[in-house]
Protein backbone atom coordinates (compact mmCIF):
# COMPACT_ATOMS: atom_id res chain seq x y z
CA MET A 1 152.24 12.62 -23.69
CA SER A 2 153.00 9.63 -21.50
CA ASP A 3 153.54 9.52 -17.76
CA ASP A 4 157.17 8.72 -18.55
CA THR A 5 157.57 12.41 -19.34
CA MET A 6 156.43 13.38 -15.85
CA VAL A 7 158.82 10.84 -14.37
CA ALA A 8 161.63 12.36 -16.42
CA VAL A 9 160.90 15.88 -15.21
CA TYR A 10 161.79 14.90 -11.63
CA ARG A 11 165.11 13.52 -12.88
CA HIS A 12 166.05 16.29 -15.29
CA ASP A 13 168.51 18.05 -12.95
CA THR A 14 170.16 14.99 -11.43
CA HIS A 15 173.54 16.34 -12.54
CA LYS A 16 173.15 19.19 -10.03
CA LEU A 17 172.80 16.74 -7.17
CA ASN A 18 176.10 15.25 -8.31
CA GLY A 19 177.79 18.59 -8.91
CA GLN A 20 178.36 17.87 -12.60
CA PRO A 21 177.86 20.11 -15.65
CA HIS A 22 174.88 19.08 -17.73
CA ASP A 23 176.89 18.53 -20.93
CA HIS A 24 179.20 16.01 -19.27
CA ALA A 25 176.81 14.31 -16.85
CA PRO A 26 175.99 10.59 -17.17
CA GLU A 27 172.76 9.78 -18.98
CA THR A 28 171.74 7.21 -16.38
CA PHE A 29 171.65 6.93 -12.60
CA ALA A 30 171.18 3.55 -10.91
CA GLY A 31 169.95 2.17 -14.22
CA VAL A 32 167.34 4.86 -14.95
CA PRO A 33 167.62 7.66 -17.55
CA VAL A 34 168.34 11.11 -16.11
CA ASN A 35 169.27 14.64 -17.21
CA GLN A 36 166.82 14.58 -20.10
CA THR A 37 165.52 17.74 -21.77
CA VAL A 38 162.10 18.85 -20.50
CA PRO A 39 159.61 19.51 -23.34
CA HIS A 40 157.39 22.55 -23.93
CA GLY A 41 160.01 24.93 -22.53
CA ALA A 42 158.86 24.20 -18.98
CA ASP A 43 162.42 24.10 -17.59
CA VAL A 44 163.31 27.41 -19.23
CA ASP A 45 160.15 29.07 -17.92
CA ALA A 46 160.66 27.72 -14.40
CA SER A 47 164.23 29.01 -14.47
CA ALA A 48 162.94 32.45 -15.46
CA LEU A 49 160.71 32.44 -12.37
CA SER A 50 163.79 32.40 -10.14
CA ARG A 51 166.79 33.57 -12.16
CA PRO A 52 167.38 36.60 -14.40
CA SER A 53 168.07 36.21 -18.09
CA GLY A 54 171.46 36.89 -19.61
CA GLN A 55 174.96 35.84 -18.65
CA PRO A 56 175.00 34.85 -14.95
CA GLU A 57 177.51 36.31 -12.53
CA GLN A 58 178.53 35.11 -9.10
CA THR A 59 176.38 36.96 -6.57
CA VAL A 60 177.84 35.73 -3.27
CA GLU A 61 181.59 36.01 -2.70
CA ASN A 62 183.43 32.79 -1.81
CA HIS A 63 180.38 30.62 -2.44
CA GLU A 64 181.16 28.33 -5.36
CA THR A 65 179.22 25.16 -4.60
CA LEU A 66 175.75 23.92 -5.42
CA TYR A 67 174.87 23.81 -1.71
CA ARG A 68 172.09 26.29 -0.99
CA LEU A 69 172.43 29.24 1.36
CA SER A 70 169.54 29.88 3.75
CA LEU A 71 167.75 33.22 3.84
CA ILE A 72 167.10 32.57 7.52
CA ASP A 73 170.71 32.66 8.70
CA GLY A 74 172.82 32.88 5.56
CA GLU A 75 174.43 29.53 6.31
CA ASN A 76 175.12 26.63 3.99
CA ARG A 77 172.17 24.22 4.14
CA TYR A 78 174.29 21.15 3.45
CA ASP A 79 175.02 19.91 6.96
CA PRO A 80 177.38 16.89 6.90
CA GLN A 81 176.15 15.86 10.34
CA GLN A 82 172.56 15.80 9.13
CA PHE A 83 173.33 14.53 5.62
CA THR A 84 175.88 11.74 5.83
CA ARG A 85 177.31 10.50 2.56
CA GLN A 86 175.49 7.21 2.83
CA GLY A 87 172.28 8.96 3.84
CA VAL A 88 172.44 11.34 0.90
CA GLU A 89 173.18 8.55 -1.56
CA SER A 90 170.26 6.52 -0.23
CA ALA A 91 167.87 9.49 -0.27
CA VAL A 92 168.87 10.53 -3.79
CA HIS A 93 168.53 6.93 -4.99
CA ASP A 94 165.00 6.69 -3.58
CA LEU A 95 164.12 10.13 -4.97
CA LEU A 96 165.19 9.32 -8.52
CA THR A 97 164.47 5.63 -9.05
CA GLU A 98 160.75 5.65 -8.23
CA ASP A 99 158.79 5.07 -11.44
CA ASP A 100 155.31 6.22 -10.43
CA PRO A 101 154.99 9.93 -11.32
CA ALA A 102 152.53 10.79 -8.52
CA ALA A 103 154.79 9.07 -5.97
CA MET A 104 157.78 10.99 -7.35
CA HIS A 105 155.88 14.25 -6.98
CA ARG A 106 155.11 13.46 -3.35
CA ALA A 107 158.73 12.46 -2.72
CA TRP A 108 159.95 15.80 -4.04
CA LEU A 109 157.46 17.65 -1.84
CA ASP A 110 158.82 15.77 1.19
CA THR A 111 162.55 15.70 0.41
CA ASP A 112 165.09 17.40 2.66
CA VAL A 113 168.11 16.40 0.62
CA ALA A 114 167.14 18.19 -2.61
CA ALA A 115 166.39 21.29 -0.53
CA ALA A 116 170.08 21.45 0.41
CA PHE A 117 171.01 22.23 -3.21
CA THR A 118 170.58 25.39 -5.22
CA GLU A 119 169.43 25.84 -8.81
CA SER A 120 172.70 27.51 -9.76
CA VAL A 121 176.03 28.31 -8.15
CA TYR A 122 175.42 31.88 -9.28
CA TYR A 123 172.15 32.18 -7.33
CA PRO A 124 172.79 30.31 -4.07
CA TYR A 125 169.52 31.22 -2.35
CA THR A 126 167.46 29.47 -5.00
CA SER A 127 166.29 25.91 -4.36
CA LEU A 128 166.72 22.86 -6.58
CA LYS A 129 163.81 21.22 -4.77
CA TYR A 130 161.34 23.94 -5.60
CA HIS A 131 162.73 24.58 -9.07
CA THR A 132 162.00 20.93 -9.88
CA LEU A 133 158.48 21.16 -8.48
CA LEU A 134 157.85 24.33 -10.50
CA VAL A 135 159.10 22.64 -13.68
CA ALA A 136 156.72 19.74 -13.03
CA ALA A 137 153.74 22.04 -12.45
CA LEU A 138 154.42 24.04 -15.60
CA LEU A 139 154.98 20.95 -17.74
CA ASP A 140 151.79 19.31 -16.50
CA THR A 141 149.73 22.39 -17.35
CA TYR A 142 151.46 22.95 -20.69
CA ARG A 143 150.95 19.37 -21.80
CA ALA A 144 147.24 19.80 -20.96
CA GLY A 145 147.11 22.61 -23.51
CA HIS A 146 147.35 25.64 -21.24
CA LYS A 147 149.62 28.67 -21.61
CA PHE A 148 151.63 30.38 -18.90
CA SER A 149 149.21 33.31 -18.98
CA ASP A 150 146.40 30.90 -17.99
CA LEU A 151 148.08 29.93 -14.73
CA GLN A 152 147.40 30.99 -11.16
CA LEU A 153 148.91 30.46 -7.74
CA ALA A 154 146.22 28.92 -5.53
CA VAL A 155 146.20 28.43 -1.76
CA ASP A 156 144.91 24.99 -0.77
CA ASP A 157 144.03 23.50 2.59
CA VAL A 158 146.70 21.56 4.41
CA GLY A 159 146.95 17.99 3.13
CA GLU A 160 145.35 18.76 -0.23
CA ILE A 161 147.86 17.55 -2.81
CA VAL A 162 147.17 17.82 -6.54
CA PRO A 163 149.62 15.59 -8.45
CA HIS A 164 152.32 17.64 -10.19
CA ARG A 165 150.45 20.93 -9.61
CA THR A 166 151.11 21.33 -5.86
CA VAL A 167 154.43 23.15 -5.44
CA TYR A 168 154.48 23.51 -1.64
CA ALA A 169 152.92 21.33 1.06
CA GLY A 170 153.36 22.46 4.66
CA ASP A 171 151.73 21.91 8.01
CA GLU A 172 149.39 24.89 7.65
CA PHE A 173 148.60 25.19 3.93
CA ALA A 174 149.57 24.07 0.44
CA LEU A 175 150.31 26.09 -2.69
CA ARG A 176 149.46 25.04 -6.23
CA VAL A 177 150.25 26.31 -9.74
CA ASP A 178 147.23 25.52 -11.89
CA GLU A 179 144.88 26.91 -14.51
CA SER A 180 141.94 26.24 -12.18
CA THR A 181 141.58 27.70 -8.67
CA ARG A 182 139.08 25.02 -7.60
CA GLY A 183 137.38 27.74 -5.59
CA GLN A 184 140.48 28.53 -3.52
CA PRO A 185 142.11 31.97 -2.99
CA SER A 186 144.40 32.69 -5.92
CA ALA A 187 146.29 35.21 -8.03
CA ARG A 188 147.29 35.07 -11.68
CA LEU A 189 150.96 34.52 -12.48
CA GLY A 190 150.97 37.06 -15.30
CA SER A 191 151.63 37.13 -19.02
CA ARG A 192 155.18 35.75 -18.92
CA PRO A 193 157.52 33.96 -16.50
CA TRP A 194 159.78 36.25 -14.49
CA ARG A 195 160.86 36.73 -10.86
CA SER A 196 157.36 37.76 -9.84
CA TRP A 197 156.81 35.92 -6.56
CA ALA A 198 156.31 39.05 -4.43
CA SER A 199 153.92 40.53 -6.98
CA VAL A 200 151.79 37.38 -7.10
CA TRP A 201 151.84 36.90 -3.30
CA ASN A 202 150.70 40.51 -2.84
CA ARG A 203 147.76 39.95 -5.20
CA LEU A 204 146.37 36.83 -3.54
CA GLU A 205 142.68 37.17 -2.77
CA ALA A 206 143.31 35.83 0.73
CA HIS A 207 146.50 34.83 2.53
CA PRO A 208 147.02 31.65 4.56
CA LEU A 209 149.00 33.43 7.28
CA ASP A 210 147.59 34.95 10.48
CA THR A 211 149.13 38.38 10.11
CA ASP A 212 146.69 40.03 12.53
CA SER A 213 147.85 38.32 15.72
CA ASP A 214 150.77 35.97 15.03
CA LYS A 215 154.14 37.75 15.09
CA TYR A 216 155.91 34.94 13.24
CA ASP A 217 153.34 34.94 10.47
CA MET A 218 153.71 38.73 10.24
CA VAL A 219 157.47 38.42 9.74
CA LEU A 220 157.08 35.60 7.21
CA ASP A 221 154.46 37.52 5.26
CA ALA A 222 156.49 40.74 5.26
CA ASN A 223 159.53 38.96 3.84
CA LEU A 224 157.52 37.05 1.24
CA ARG A 225 156.34 40.42 -0.06
CA ARG A 226 159.97 41.29 -0.86
CA ILE A 227 161.32 38.09 -2.45
CA GLY A 228 161.25 37.94 -6.23
CA ALA A 229 162.58 34.46 -7.00
CA TRP A 230 159.95 31.73 -6.81
CA SER A 231 162.11 28.82 -5.69
CA THR A 232 163.77 31.05 -3.08
CA ALA A 233 160.41 32.13 -1.69
CA LEU A 234 158.94 28.63 -1.54
CA GLN A 235 162.08 27.35 0.17
CA TYR A 236 161.97 30.29 2.58
CA ILE A 237 158.47 29.31 3.67
CA GLU A 238 159.68 25.77 4.38
CA ASP A 239 162.79 26.95 6.24
CA PHE A 240 160.86 29.55 8.25
CA GLN A 241 158.20 27.09 9.33
CA GLU A 242 160.89 24.60 10.33
CA VAL A 243 162.79 27.13 12.47
CA PHE A 244 159.83 28.97 13.97
CA ASP A 245 157.30 26.13 14.13
CA GLN A 246 155.00 26.75 17.05
């Protein structure tokens, strides 16, 4: 499978950035193909990590946009003062028109704009940013011949980025979905994709947070042990570290 497939995975939900239904969304953006189907069922499996199966229902009253709600304060994360129209258009253009897959992966790890959007209007605490990174990690492992049941969540040192497999990169640690732990603390994802974040986090061999003496890390860890949806949890780590960065 060519690297073009890994480029496409970072563009597969462009329609959500534009607030358009998939069936009626344009097939190109700024001259590049977008909204393509992701092979190997990686998109479906990543969705199952954060959203329940079956017919979705609106879970937050009076919230009918693709702008994400924050678990920190419950507020809409799309701030027009922070994200001007021109700024968003420029950021989205840069995010989607890069043609080097490793550079696209890094851009998605660093993006603020994609983090302002949710996976689905029905599940407004989920994150389009982290859904996309999870799809990329699953696709890269599947195309290498691995099954979901082979995969683990591994805790890497800060700054250690594995192309397409790293799903979170912060100032204190990184998290990776991979078949190999590379000697790092890890926990298996399980036999099938479901909203299992809390279960996997609880089973990590060692945690990257200082829960013995740091009150902020204790709060973060306690909440991560209660969140089921993967993209919500990964986004919560980012939001928490941003608000309570010491």
